[in-house]
Amino acid sequence: RPPYNIKNYVDFDLQCLTMPGDPDGQYCSVTEHTLLTMSRNAKHKQVA
């Protein structure tokens, strides 16, 4: 994505694939997640 690809420019056909899976045929990959959480002490819980 411009403009970041100027710094990370690669002069070849770059594509993405799934991560290679289990040889037994059950694909599984690990994903990172950011979560939205609420404080137990929040005063306006419905608003939050």
ModelCIF file with pLDDT and N, C-alpha, C, O atoms, coordinates in Angstrom:
data_MODEL
#
_entry.id   MODEL 
#
_entity.id                         1 
_entity.type                       polymer 
_entity.pdbx_number_of_molecules   1 
#
_entity_poly.entity_id                      1 
_entity_poly.type                           'polypeptide(L)' 
_entity_poly.nstd_linkage                   no 
_entity_poly.nstd_monomer                   no 
_entity_poly.pdbx_seq_one_letter_code       RPPYNIKNYVDFDLQCLTMPGDPDGQYCSVTEHTLLTMSRNAKHKQVA 
_entity_poly.pdbx_seq_one_letter_code_can   RPPYNIKNYVDFDLQCLTMPGDPDGQYCSVTEHTLLTMSRNAKHKQVA 
_entity_poly.pdbx_strand_id                 A 
#
loop_
_entity_poly_seq.entity_id 
_entity_poly_seq.num 
_entity_poly_seq.mon_id 
_entity_poly_seq.hetero 
1 1  ARG n 
1 2  PRO n 
1 3  PRO n 
1 4  TYR n 
1 5  ASN n 
1 6  ILE n 
1 7  LYS n 
1 8  ASN n 
1 9  TYR n 
1 10 VAL n 
1 11 ASP n 
1 12 PHE n 
1 13 ASP n 
1 14 LEU n 
1 15 GLN n 
1 16 CYS n 
1 17 LEU n 
1 18 THR n 
1 19 MET n 
1 20 PRO n 
1 21 GLY n 
1 22 ASP n 
1 23 PRO n 
1 24 ASP n 
1 25 GLY n 
1 26 GLN n 
1 27 TYR n 
1 28 CYS n 
1 29 SER n 
1 30 VAL n 
1 31 THR n 
1 32 GLU n 
1 33 HIS n 
1 34 THR n 
1 35 LEU n 
1 36 LEU n 
1 37 THR n 
1 38 MET n 
1 39 SER n 
1 40 ARG n 
1 41 ASN n 
1 42 ALA n 
1 43 LYS n 
1 44 HIS n 
1 45 LYS n 
1 46 GLN n 
1 47 VAL n 
1 48 ALA n 
#
_struct_asym.id          A 
_struct_asym.entity_id   1 
#
loop_
_ma_qa_metric.id 
_ma_qa_metric.mode 
_ma_qa_metric.name 
_ma_qa_metric.software_group_id 
_ma_qa_metric.type 
1 global pLDDT . pLDDT 
2 local  pLDDT . pLDDT 
#
_ma_qa_metric_global.metric_id      1 
_ma_qa_metric_global.metric_value   83.77 
_ma_qa_metric_global.model_id       1 
_ma_qa_metric_global.ordinal_id     1 
#
loop_
_ma_qa_metric_local.label_asym_id 
_ma_qa_metric_local.label_comp_id 
_ma_qa_metric_local.label_seq_id 
_ma_qa_metric_local.metric_id 
_ma_qa_metric_local.metric_value 
_ma_qa_metric_local.model_id 
_ma_qa_metric_local.ordinal_id 
A ARG 1  2 71.00 1 1  
A PRO 2  2 67.00 1 2  
A PRO 3  2 64.00 1 3  
A TYR 4  2 61.00 1 4  
A ASN 5  2 64.00 1 5  
A ILE 6  2 61.00 1 6  
A LYS 7  2 61.00 1 7  
A ASN 8  2 65.00 1 8  
A TYR 9  2 67.00 1 9  
A VAL 10 2 79.00 1 10 
A ASP 11 2 86.00 1 11 
A PHE 12 2 91.00 1 12 
A ASP 13 2 91.00 1 13 
A LEU 14 2 92.00 1 14 
A GLN 15 2 93.00 1 15 
A CYS 16 2 93.00 1 16 
A LEU 17 2 94.00 1 17 
A THR 18 2 93.00 1 18 
A MET 19 2 92.00 1 19 
A PRO 20 2 91.00 1 20 
A GLY 21 2 86.00 1 21 
A ASP 22 2 81.00 1 22 
A PRO 23 2 77.00 1 23 
A ASP 24 2 74.00 1 24 
A GLY 25 2 65.00 1 25 
A GLN 26 2 69.00 1 26 
A TYR 27 2 67.00 1 27 
A CYS 28 2 69.00 1 28 
A SER 29 2 75.00 1 29 
A VAL 30 2 79.00 1 30 
A THR 31 2 87.00 1 31 
A GLU 32 2 89.00 1 32 
A HIS 33 2 92.00 1 33 
A THR 34 2 92.00 1 34 
A LEU 35 2 96.00 1 35 
A LEU 36 2 97.00 1 36 
A THR 37 2 97.00 1 37 
A MET 38 2 97.00 1 38 
A SER 39 2 96.00 1 39 
A ARG 40 2 95.00 1 40 
A ASN 41 2 94.00 1 41 
A ALA 42 2 95.00 1 42 
A LYS 43 2 94.00 1 43 
A HIS 44 2 96.00 1 44 
A LYS 45 2 96.00 1 45 
A GLN 46 2 96.00 1 46 
A VAL 47 2 97.00 1 47 
A ALA 48 2 97.00 1 48 
#
loop_
_atom_site.group_PDB 
_atom_site.id 
_atom_site.type_symbol 
_atom_site.label_atom_id 
_atom_site.label_alt_id 
_atom_site.label_comp_id 
_atom_site.label_asym_id 
_atom_site.label_entity_id 
_atom_site.label_seq_id 
_atom_site.pdbx_PDB_ins_code 
_atom_site.Cartn_x 
_atom_site.Cartn_y 
_atom_site.Cartn_z 
_atom_site.occupancy 
_atom_site.B_iso_or_equiv 
_atom_site.pdbx_formal_charge 
_atom_site.auth_seq_id 
_atom_site.auth_comp_id 
_atom_site.auth_asym_id 
_atom_site.auth_atom_id 
_atom_site.pdbx_PDB_model_num 
ATOM 1   N N  . ARG A 1 1  ? 0.809   -1.218  0.000  1.00 71.00 ? 1  ARG A N  1 
ATOM 2   C CA . ARG A 1 1  ? 0.000   0.000   0.000  1.00 71.00 ? 1  ARG A CA 1 
ATOM 3   C C  . ARG A 1 1  ? 0.842   1.268   0.000  1.00 71.00 ? 1  ARG A C  1 
ATOM 4   O O  . ARG A 1 1  ? 1.746   1.409   0.825  1.00 71.00 ? 1  ARG A O  1 
ATOM 5   N N  . PRO A 1 2  ? 0.558   2.197   -0.917 1.00 67.00 ? 2  PRO A N  1 
ATOM 6   C CA . PRO A 1 2  ? 1.236   3.496   -0.889 1.00 67.00 ? 2  PRO A CA 1 
ATOM 7   C C  . PRO A 1 2  ? 0.862   4.245   0.388  1.00 67.00 ? 2  PRO A C  1 
ATOM 8   O O  . PRO A 1 2  ? -0.275  4.102   0.838  1.00 67.00 ? 2  PRO A O  1 
ATOM 9   N N  . PRO A 1 3  ? 1.754   5.039   1.002  1.00 64.00 ? 3  PRO A N  1 
ATOM 10  C CA . PRO A 1 3  ? 3.129   5.276   0.558  1.00 64.00 ? 3  PRO A CA 1 
ATOM 11  C C  . PRO A 1 3  ? 4.132   4.286   1.144  1.00 64.00 ? 3  PRO A C  1 
ATOM 12  O O  . PRO A 1 3  ? 5.325   4.372   0.853  1.00 64.00 ? 3  PRO A O  1 
ATOM 13  N N  . TYR A 1 4  ? 3.654   3.330   1.980  1.00 61.00 ? 4  TYR A N  1 
ATOM 14  C CA . TYR A 1 4  ? 4.577   2.458   2.695  1.00 61.00 ? 4  TYR A CA 1 
ATOM 15  C C  . TYR A 1 4  ? 5.334   1.538   1.750  1.00 61.00 ? 4  TYR A C  1 
ATOM 16  O O  . TYR A 1 4  ? 6.449   1.120   2.061  1.00 61.00 ? 4  TYR A O  1 
ATOM 17  N N  . ASN A 1 5  ? 4.741   1.210   0.588  1.00 64.00 ? 5  ASN A N  1 
ATOM 18  C CA . ASN A 1 5  ? 5.409   0.296   -0.326 1.00 64.00 ? 5  ASN A CA 1 
ATOM 19  C C  . ASN A 1 5  ? 6.654   0.924   -0.957 1.00 64.00 ? 5  ASN A C  1 
ATOM 20  O O  . ASN A 1 5  ? 7.462   0.211   -1.551 1.00 64.00 ? 5  ASN A O  1 
ATOM 21  N N  . ILE A 1 6  ? 6.822   2.227   -0.841 1.00 61.00 ? 6  ILE A N  1 
ATOM 22  C CA . ILE A 1 6  ? 8.050   2.864   -1.324 1.00 61.00 ? 6  ILE A CA 1 
ATOM 23  C C  . ILE A 1 6  ? 9.221   2.422   -0.451 1.00 61.00 ? 6  ILE A C  1 
ATOM 24  O O  . ILE A 1 6  ? 10.299  2.111   -0.958 1.00 61.00 ? 6  ILE A O  1 
ATOM 25  N N  . LYS A 1 7  ? 9.003   2.398   0.858  1.00 61.00 ? 7  LYS A N  1 
ATOM 26  C CA . LYS A 1 7  ? 10.057  1.982   1.780  1.00 61.00 ? 7  LYS A CA 1 
ATOM 27  C C  . LYS A 1 7  ? 10.298  0.475   1.708  1.00 61.00 ? 7  LYS A C  1 
ATOM 28  O O  . LYS A 1 7  ? 11.439  0.021   1.799  1.00 61.00 ? 7  LYS A O  1 
ATOM 29  N N  . ASN A 1 8  ? 9.232   -0.293  1.544  1.00 65.00 ? 8  ASN A N  1 
ATOM 30  C CA . ASN A 1 8  ? 9.336   -1.753  1.555  1.00 65.00 ? 8  ASN A CA 1 
ATOM 31  C C  . ASN A 1 8  ? 9.278   -2.345  0.151  1.00 65.00 ? 8  ASN A C  1 
ATOM 32  O O  . ASN A 1 8  ? 8.900   -3.504  -0.020 1.00 65.00 ? 8  ASN A O  1 
ATOM 33  N N  . TYR A 1 9  ? 9.647   -1.563  -0.842 1.00 67.00 ? 9  TYR A N  1 
ATOM 34  C CA . TYR A 1 9  ? 9.432   -1.959  -2.234 1.00 67.00 ? 9  TYR A CA 1 
ATOM 35  C C  . TYR A 1 9  ? 10.090  -3.295  -2.563 1.00 67.00 ? 9  TYR A C  1 
ATOM 36  O O  . TYR A 1 9  ? 11.253  -3.526  -2.231 1.00 67.00 ? 9  TYR A O  1 
ATOM 37  N N  . VAL A 1 10 ? 9.336   -4.166  -3.216 1.00 79.00 ? 10 VAL A N  1 
ATOM 38  C CA . VAL A 1 10 ? 9.873   -5.443  -3.698 1.00 79.00 ? 10 VAL A CA 1 
ATOM 39  C C  . VAL A 1 10 ? 9.569   -5.553  -5.189 1.00 79.00 ? 10 VAL A C  1 
ATOM 40  O O  . VAL A 1 10 ? 8.447   -5.302  -5.630 1.00 79.00 ? 10 VAL A O  1 
ATOM 41  N N  . ASP A 1 11 ? 10.582  -5.930  -5.950 1.00 86.00 ? 11 ASP A N  1 
ATOM 42  C CA . ASP A 1 11 ? 10.455  -5.968  -7.404 1.00 86.00 ? 11 ASP A CA 1 
ATOM 43  C C  . ASP A 1 11 ? 10.127  -7.383  -7.880 1.00 86.00 ? 11 ASP A C  1 
ATOM 44  O O  . ASP A 1 11 ? 10.840  -7.958  -8.701 1.00 86.00 ? 11 ASP A O  1 
ATOM 45  N N  . PHE A 1 12 ? 9.037   -7.928  -7.350 1.00 91.00 ? 12 PHE A N  1 
ATOM 46  C CA . PHE A 1 12 ? 8.573   -9.241  -7.795 1.00 91.00 ? 12 PHE A CA 1 
ATOM 47  C C  . PHE A 1 12 ? 7.088   -9.368  -7.471 1.00 91.00 ? 12 PHE A C  1 
ATOM 48  O O  . PHE A 1 12 ? 6.510   -8.516  -6.796 1.00 91.00 ? 12 PHE A O  1 
ATOM 49  N N  . ASP A 1 13 ? 6.491   -10.429 -7.957 1.00 91.00 ? 13 ASP A N  1 
ATOM 50  C CA . ASP A 1 13 ? 5.056   -10.649 -7.739 1.00 91.00 ? 13 ASP A CA 1 
ATOM 51  C C  . ASP A 1 13 ? 4.856   -11.183 -6.324 1.00 91.00 ? 13 ASP A C  1 
ATOM 52  O O  . ASP A 1 13 ? 4.979   -12.383 -6.076 1.00 91.00 ? 13 ASP A O  1 
ATOM 53  N N  . LEU A 1 14 ? 4.544   -10.272 -5.398 1.00 92.00 ? 14 LEU A N  1 
ATOM 54  C CA . LEU A 1 14 ? 4.339   -10.624 -3.988 1.00 92.00 ? 14 LEU A CA 1 
ATOM 55  C C  . LEU A 1 14 ? 2.873   -10.938 -3.744 1.00 92.00 ? 14 LEU A C  1 
ATOM 56  O O  . LEU A 1 14 ? 2.005   -10.117 -4.038 1.00 92.00 ? 14 LEU A O  1 
ATOM 57  N N  . GLN A 1 15 ? 2.590   -12.116 -3.211 1.00 93.00 ? 15 GLN A N  1 
ATOM 58  C CA . GLN A 1 15 ? 1.231   -12.512 -2.869 1.00 93.00 ? 15 GLN A CA 1 
ATOM 59  C C  . GLN A 1 15 ? 1.219   -13.139 -1.482 1.00 93.00 ? 15 GLN A C  1 
ATOM 60  O O  . GLN A 1 15 ? 2.273   -13.392 -0.898 1.00 93.00 ? 15 GLN A O  1 
ATOM 61  N N  . CYS A 1 16 ? 0.018   -13.391 -0.957 1.00 93.00 ? 16 CYS A N  1 
ATOM 62  C CA . CYS A 1 16 ? -0.080  -14.038 0.348  1.00 93.00 ? 16 CYS A CA 1 
ATOM 63  C C  . CYS A 1 16 ? -0.761  -15.388 0.213  1.00 93.00 ? 16 CYS A C  1 
ATOM 64  O O  . CYS A 1 16 ? -1.579  -15.611 -0.680 1.00 93.00 ? 16 CYS A O  1 
ATOM 65  N N  . LEU A 1 17 ? -0.401  -16.278 1.121  1.00 94.00 ? 17 LEU A N  1 
ATOM 66  C CA . LEU A 1 17 ? -0.968  -17.618 1.192  1.00 94.00 ? 17 LEU A CA 1 
ATOM 67  C C  . LEU A 1 17 ? -1.411  -17.877 2.625  1.00 94.00 ? 17 LEU A C  1 
ATOM 68  O O  . LEU A 1 17 ? -1.013  -17.166 3.547  1.00 94.00 ? 17 LEU A O  1 
ATOM 69  N N  . THR A 1 18 ? -2.229  -18.890 2.801  1.00 93.00 ? 18 THR A N  1 
ATOM 70  C CA . THR A 1 18 ? -2.469  -19.386 4.153  1.00 93.00 ? 18 THR A CA 1 
ATOM 71  C C  . THR A 1 18 ? -1.159  -19.944 4.694  1.00 93.00 ? 18 THR A C  1 
ATOM 72  O O  . THR A 1 18 ? -0.273  -20.304 3.918  1.00 93.00 ? 18 THR A O  1 
ATOM 73  N N  . MET A 1 19 ? -1.029  -20.020 6.003  1.00 92.00 ? 19 MET A N  1 
ATOM 74  C CA . MET A 1 19 ? 0.115   -20.722 6.576  1.00 92.00 ? 19 MET A CA 1 
ATOM 75  C C  . MET A 1 19 ? -0.052  -22.219 6.305  1.00 92.00 ? 19 MET A C  1 
ATOM 76  O O  . MET A 1 19 ? -1.172  -22.727 6.361  1.00 92.00 ? 19 MET A O  1 
ATOM 77  N N  . PRO A 1 20 ? 1.036   -22.931 6.013  1.00 91.00 ? 20 PRO A N  1 
ATOM 78  C CA . PRO A 1 20 ? 0.904   -24.374 5.771  1.00 91.00 ? 20 PRO A CA 1 
ATOM 79  C C  . PRO A 1 20 ? 0.350   -25.078 6.999  1.00 91.00 ? 20 PRO A C  1 
ATOM 80  O O  . PRO A 1 20 ? 0.750   -24.792 8.127  1.00 91.00 ? 20 PRO A O  1 
ATOM 81  N N  . GLY A 1 21 ? -0.577  -26.005 6.766  1.00 86.00 ? 21 GLY A N  1 
ATOM 82  C CA . GLY A 1 21 ? -1.312  -26.623 7.864  1.00 86.00 ? 21 GLY A CA 1 
ATOM 83  C C  . GLY A 1 21 ? -0.791  -27.981 8.280  1.00 86.00 ? 21 GLY A C  1 
ATOM 84  O O  . GLY A 1 21 ? 0.259   -28.438 7.830  1.00 86.00 ? 21 GLY A O  1 
ATOM 85  N N  . ASP A 1 22 ? -1.548  -28.602 9.141  1.00 81.00 ? 22 ASP A N  1 
ATOM 86  C CA . ASP A 1 22 ? -1.243  -29.918 9.701  1.00 81.00 ? 22 ASP A CA 1 
ATOM 87  C C  . ASP A 1 22 ? -1.150  -30.954 8.582  1.00 81.00 ? 22 ASP A C  1 
ATOM 88  O O  . ASP A 1 22 ? -2.036  -31.011 7.728  1.00 81.00 ? 22 ASP A O  1 
ATOM 89  N N  . PRO A 1 23 ? -0.089  -31.779 8.568  1.00 77.00 ? 23 PRO A N  1 
ATOM 90  C CA . PRO A 1 23 ? 0.014   -32.833 7.545  1.00 77.00 ? 23 PRO A CA 1 
ATOM 91  C C  . PRO A 1 23 ? -1.164  -33.798 7.546  1.00 77.00 ? 23 PRO A C  1 
ATOM 92  O O  . PRO A 1 23 ? -1.433  -34.440 6.531  1.00 77.00 ? 23 PRO A O  1 
ATOM 93  N N  . ASP A 1 24 ? -1.874  -33.913 8.671  1.00 74.00 ? 24 ASP A N  1 
ATOM 94  C CA . ASP A 1 24 ? -3.030  -34.808 8.733  1.00 74.00 ? 24 ASP A CA 1 
ATOM 95  C C  . ASP A 1 24 ? -4.257  -34.205 8.053  1.00 74.00 ? 24 ASP A C  1 
ATOM 96  O O  . ASP A 1 24 ? -5.292  -34.863 7.940  1.00 74.00 ? 24 ASP A O  1 
ATOM 97  N N  . GLY A 1 25 ? -4.146  -32.960 7.601  1.00 65.00 ? 25 GLY A N  1 
ATOM 98  C CA . GLY A 1 25 ? -5.230  -32.371 6.822  1.00 65.00 ? 25 GLY A CA 1 
ATOM 99  C C  . GLY A 1 25 ? -6.133  -31.433 7.574  1.00 65.00 ? 25 GLY A C  1 
ATOM 100 O O  . GLY A 1 25 ? -7.047  -30.865 6.977  1.00 65.00 ? 25 GLY A O  1 
ATOM 101 N N  . GLN A 1 26 ? -5.917  -31.241 8.875  1.00 69.00 ? 26 GLN A N  1 
ATOM 102 C CA . GLN A 1 26 ? -6.759  -30.315 9.644  1.00 69.00 ? 26 GLN A CA 1 
ATOM 103 C C  . GLN A 1 26 ? -6.025  -28.984 9.743  1.00 69.00 ? 26 GLN A C  1 
ATOM 104 O O  . GLN A 1 26 ? -5.094  -28.827 10.534 1.00 69.00 ? 26 GLN A O  1 
ATOM 105 N N  . TYR A 1 27 ? -6.459  -28.037 8.929  1.00 67.00 ? 27 TYR A N  1 
ATOM 106 C CA . TYR A 1 27 ? -5.769  -26.747 8.909  1.00 67.00 ? 27 TYR A CA 1 
ATOM 107 C C  . TYR A 1 27 ? -6.032  -25.983 10.195 1.00 67.00 ? 27 TYR A C  1 
ATOM 108 O O  . TYR A 1 27 ? -7.153  -25.966 10.704 1.00 67.00 ? 27 TYR A O  1 
ATOM 109 N N  . CYS A 1 28 ? -4.994  -25.355 10.711 1.00 69.00 ? 28 CYS A N  1 
ATOM 110 C CA . CYS A 1 28 ? -5.180  -24.482 11.872 1.00 69.00 ? 28 CYS A CA 1 
ATOM 111 C C  . CYS A 1 28 ? -4.090  -23.428 11.860 1.00 69.00 ? 28 CYS A C  1 
ATOM 112 O O  . CYS A 1 28 ? -2.929  -23.729 11.582 1.00 69.00 ? 28 CYS A O  1 
ATOM 113 N N  . SER A 1 29 ? -4.459  -22.205 12.160 1.00 75.00 ? 29 SER A N  1 
ATOM 114 C CA . SER A 1 29 ? -3.498  -21.119 12.253 1.00 75.00 ? 29 SER A CA 1 
ATOM 115 C C  . SER A 1 29 ? -3.790  -20.325 13.517 1.00 75.00 ? 29 SER A C  1 
ATOM 116 O O  . SER A 1 29 ? -4.893  -20.391 14.059 1.00 75.00 ? 29 SER A O  1 
ATOM 117 N N  . VAL A 1 30 ? -2.802  -19.578 13.982 1.00 79.00 ? 30 VAL A N  1 
ATOM 118 C CA . VAL A 1 30 ? -2.955  -18.763 15.183 1.00 79.00 ? 30 VAL A CA 1 
ATOM 119 C C  . VAL A 1 30 ? -3.131  -17.308 14.776 1.00 79.00 ? 30 VAL A C  1 
ATOM 120 O O  . VAL A 1 30 ? -2.381  -16.799 13.943 1.00 79.00 ? 30 VAL A O  1 
ATOM 121 N N  . THR A 1 31 ? -4.106  -16.646 15.351 1.00 87.00 ? 31 THR A N  1 
ATOM 122 C CA . THR A 1 31 ? -4.376  -15.243 15.051 1.00 87.00 ? 31 THR A CA 1 
ATOM 123 C C  . THR A 1 31 ? -4.214  -14.386 16.300 1.00 87.00 ? 31 THR A C  1 
ATOM 124 O O  . THR A 1 31 ? -4.517  -14.823 17.411 1.00 87.00 ? 31 THR A O  1 
ATOM 125 N N  . GLU A 1 32 ? -3.732  -13.161 16.104 1.00 89.00 ? 32 GLU A N  1 
ATOM 126 C CA . GLU A 1 32 ? -3.652  -12.207 17.200 1.00 89.00 ? 32 GLU A CA 1 
ATOM 127 C C  . GLU A 1 32 ? -4.906  -11.331 17.182 1.00 89.00 ? 32 GLU A C  1 
ATOM 128 O O  . GLU A 1 32 ? -5.450  -11.028 16.120 1.00 89.00 ? 32 GLU A O  1 
ATOM 129 N N  . HIS A 1 33 ? -5.351  -10.934 18.364 1.00 92.00 ? 33 HIS A N  1 
ATOM 130 C CA . HIS A 1 33 ? -6.595  -10.164 18.477 1.00 92.00 ? 33 HIS A CA 1 
ATOM 131 C C  . HIS A 1 33 ? -6.404  -8.978  19.403 1.00 92.00 ? 33 HIS A C  1 
ATOM 132 O O  . HIS A 1 33 ? -5.746  -9.088  20.438 1.00 92.00 ? 33 HIS A O  1 
ATOM 133 N N  . THR A 1 34 ? -6.982  -7.838  19.029 1.00 92.00 ? 34 THR A N  1 
ATOM 134 C CA . THR A 1 34 ? -7.145  -6.751  19.993 1.00 92.00 ? 34 THR A CA 1 
ATOM 135 C C  . THR A 1 34 ? -8.604  -6.728  20.411 1.00 92.00 ? 34 THR A C  1 
ATOM 136 O O  . THR A 1 34 ? -9.507  -6.896  19.592 1.00 92.00 ? 34 THR A O  1 
ATOM 137 N N  . LEU A 1 35 ? -8.813  -6.517  21.703 1.00 96.00 ? 35 LEU A N  1 
ATOM 138 C CA . LEU A 1 35 ? -10.144 -6.596  22.295 1.00 96.00 ? 35 LEU A CA 1 
ATOM 139 C C  . LEU A 1 35 ? -10.530 -5.255  22.910 1.00 96.00 ? 35 LEU A C  1 
ATOM 140 O O  . LEU A 1 35 ? -9.672  -4.492  23.354 1.00 96.00 ? 35 LEU A O  1 
ATOM 141 N N  . LEU A 1 36 ? -11.814 -4.985  22.928 1.00 97.00 ? 36 LEU A N  1 
ATOM 142 C CA . LEU A 1 36 ? -12.368 -3.856  23.654 1.00 97.00 ? 36 LEU A CA 1 
ATOM 143 C C  . LEU A 1 36 ? -12.974 -4.386  24.942 1.00 97.00 ? 36 LEU A C  1 
ATOM 144 O O  . LEU A 1 36 ? -13.861 -5.239  24.908 1.00 97.00 ? 36 LEU A O  1 
ATOM 145 N N  . THR A 1 37 ? -12.502 -3.886  26.075 1.00 97.00 ? 37 THR A N  1 
ATOM 146 C CA . THR A 1 37 ? -12.987 -4.379  27.364 1.00 97.00 ? 37 THR A CA 1 
ATOM 147 C C  . THR A 1 37 ? -13.493 -3.219  28.212 1.00 97.00 ? 37 THR A C  1 
ATOM 148 O O  . THR A 1 37 ? -13.168 -2.058  27.964 1.00 97.00 ? 37 THR A O  1 
ATOM 149 N N  . MET A 1 38 ? -14.287 -3.554  29.206 1.00 97.00 ? 38 MET A N  1 
ATOM 150 C CA . MET A 1 38 ? -14.898 -2.544  30.080 1.00 97.00 ? 38 MET A CA 1 
ATOM 151 C C  . MET A 1 38 ? -14.434 -2.749  31.517 1.00 97.00 ? 38 MET A C  1 
ATOM 152 O O  . MET A 1 38 ? -14.341 -3.879  31.996 1.00 97.00 ? 38 MET A O  1 
ATOM 153 N N  . SER A 1 39 ? -14.147 -1.653  32.192 1.00 96.00 ? 39 SER A N  1 
ATOM 154 C CA . SER A 1 39 ? -13.763 -1.722  33.595 1.00 96.00 ? 39 SER A CA 1 
ATOM 155 C C  . SER A 1 39 ? -14.933 -2.159  34.464 1.00 96.00 ? 39 SER A C  1 
ATOM 156 O O  . SER A 1 39 ? -16.075 -1.760  34.236 1.00 96.00 ? 39 SER A O  1 
ATOM 157 N N  . ARG A 1 40 ? -14.638 -2.976  35.452 1.00 95.00 ? 40 ARG A N  1 
ATOM 158 C CA . ARG A 1 40 ? -15.662 -3.365  36.425 1.00 95.00 ? 40 ARG A CA 1 
ATOM 159 C C  . ARG A 1 40 ? -16.202 -2.139  37.164 1.00 95.00 ? 40 ARG A C  1 
ATOM 160 O O  . ARG A 1 40 ? -17.331 -2.144  37.656 1.00 95.00 ? 40 ARG A O  1 
ATOM 161 N N  . ASN A 1 41 ? -15.381 -1.092  37.233 1.00 94.00 ? 41 ASN A N  1 
ATOM 162 C CA . ASN A 1 41 ? -15.776 0.111   37.976 1.00 94.00 ? 41 ASN A CA 1 
ATOM 163 C C  . ASN A 1 41 ? -16.373 1.201   37.093 1.00 94.00 ? 41 ASN A C  1 
ATOM 164 O O  . ASN A 1 41 ? -16.592 2.320   37.558 1.00 94.00 ? 41 ASN A O  1 
ATOM 165 N N  . ALA A 1 42 ? -16.641 0.889   35.823 1.00 95.00 ? 42 ALA A N  1 
ATOM 166 C CA . ALA A 1 42 ? -17.221 1.899   34.933 1.00 95.00 ? 42 ALA A CA 1 
ATOM 167 C C  . ALA A 1 42 ? -18.551 2.404   35.503 1.00 95.00 ? 42 ALA A C  1 
ATOM 168 O O  . ALA A 1 42 ? -19.406 1.611   35.896 1.00 95.00 ? 42 ALA A O  1 
ATOM 169 N N  . LYS A 1 43 ? -18.716 3.721   35.543 1.00 94.00 ? 43 LYS A N  1 
ATOM 170 C CA . LYS A 1 43 ? -19.917 4.309   36.132 1.00 94.00 ? 43 LYS A CA 1 
ATOM 171 C C  . LYS A 1 43 ? -21.102 4.190   35.182 1.00 94.00 ? 43 LYS A C  1 
ATOM 172 O O  . LYS A 1 43 ? -22.210 3.852   35.598 1.00 94.00 ? 43 LYS A O  1 
ATOM 173 N N  . HIS A 1 44 ? -20.861 4.471   33.901 1.00 96.00 ? 44 HIS A N  1 
ATOM 174 C CA . HIS A 1 44 ? -21.937 4.439   32.907 1.00 96.00 ? 44 HIS A CA 1 
ATOM 175 C C  . HIS A 1 44 ? -21.730 3.209   32.005 1.00 96.00 ? 44 HIS A C  1 
ATOM 176 O O  . HIS A 1 44 ? -21.246 3.324   30.879 1.00 96.00 ? 44 HIS A O  1 
ATOM 177 N N  . LYS A 1 45 ? -22.100 2.060   32.517 1.00 96.00 ? 45 LYS A N  1 
ATOM 178 C CA . LYS A 1 45 ? -21.790 0.811   31.819 1.00 96.00 ? 45 LYS A CA 1 
ATOM 179 C C  . LYS A 1 45 ? -22.529 0.682   30.492 1.00 96.00 ? 45 LYS A C  1 
ATOM 180 O O  . LYS A 1 45 ? -21.954 0.184   29.524 1.00 96.00 ? 45 LYS A O  1 
ATOM 181 N N  . GLN A 1 46 ? -23.771 1.109   30.417 1.00 96.00 ? 46 GLN A N  1 
ATOM 182 C CA . GLN A 1 46 ? -24.507 0.994   29.153 1.00 96.00 ? 46 GLN A CA 1 
ATOM 183 C C  . GLN A 1 46 ? -23.882 1.910   28.097 1.00 96.00 ? 46 GLN A C  1 
ATOM 184 O O  . GLN A 1 46 ? -23.768 1.531   26.931 1.00 96.00 ? 46 GLN A O  1 
ATOM 185 N N  . VAL A 1 47 ? -23.482 3.104   28.505 1.00 97.00 ? 47 VAL A N  1 
ATOM 186 C CA . VAL A 1 47 ? -22.828 4.029   27.575 1.00 97.00 ? 47 VAL A CA 1 
ATOM 187 C C  . VAL A 1 47 ? -21.509 3.429   27.091 1.00 97.00 ? 47 VAL A C  1 
ATOM 188 O O  . VAL A 1 47 ? -21.196 3.470   25.901 1.00 97.00 ? 47 VAL A O  1 
ATOM 189 N N  . ALA A 1 48 ? -20.743 2.873   28.027 1.00 97.00 ? 48 ALA A N  1 
ATOM 190 C CA . ALA A 1 48 ? -19.463 2.255   27.664 1.00 97.00 ? 48 ALA A CA 1 
ATOM 191 C C  . ALA A 1 48 ? -19.675 1.102   26.688 1.00 97.00 ? 48 ALA A C  1 
ATOM 192 O O  . ALA A 1 48 ? -18.709 0.462   26.270 1.00 97.00 ? 48 ALA A O  1 
#
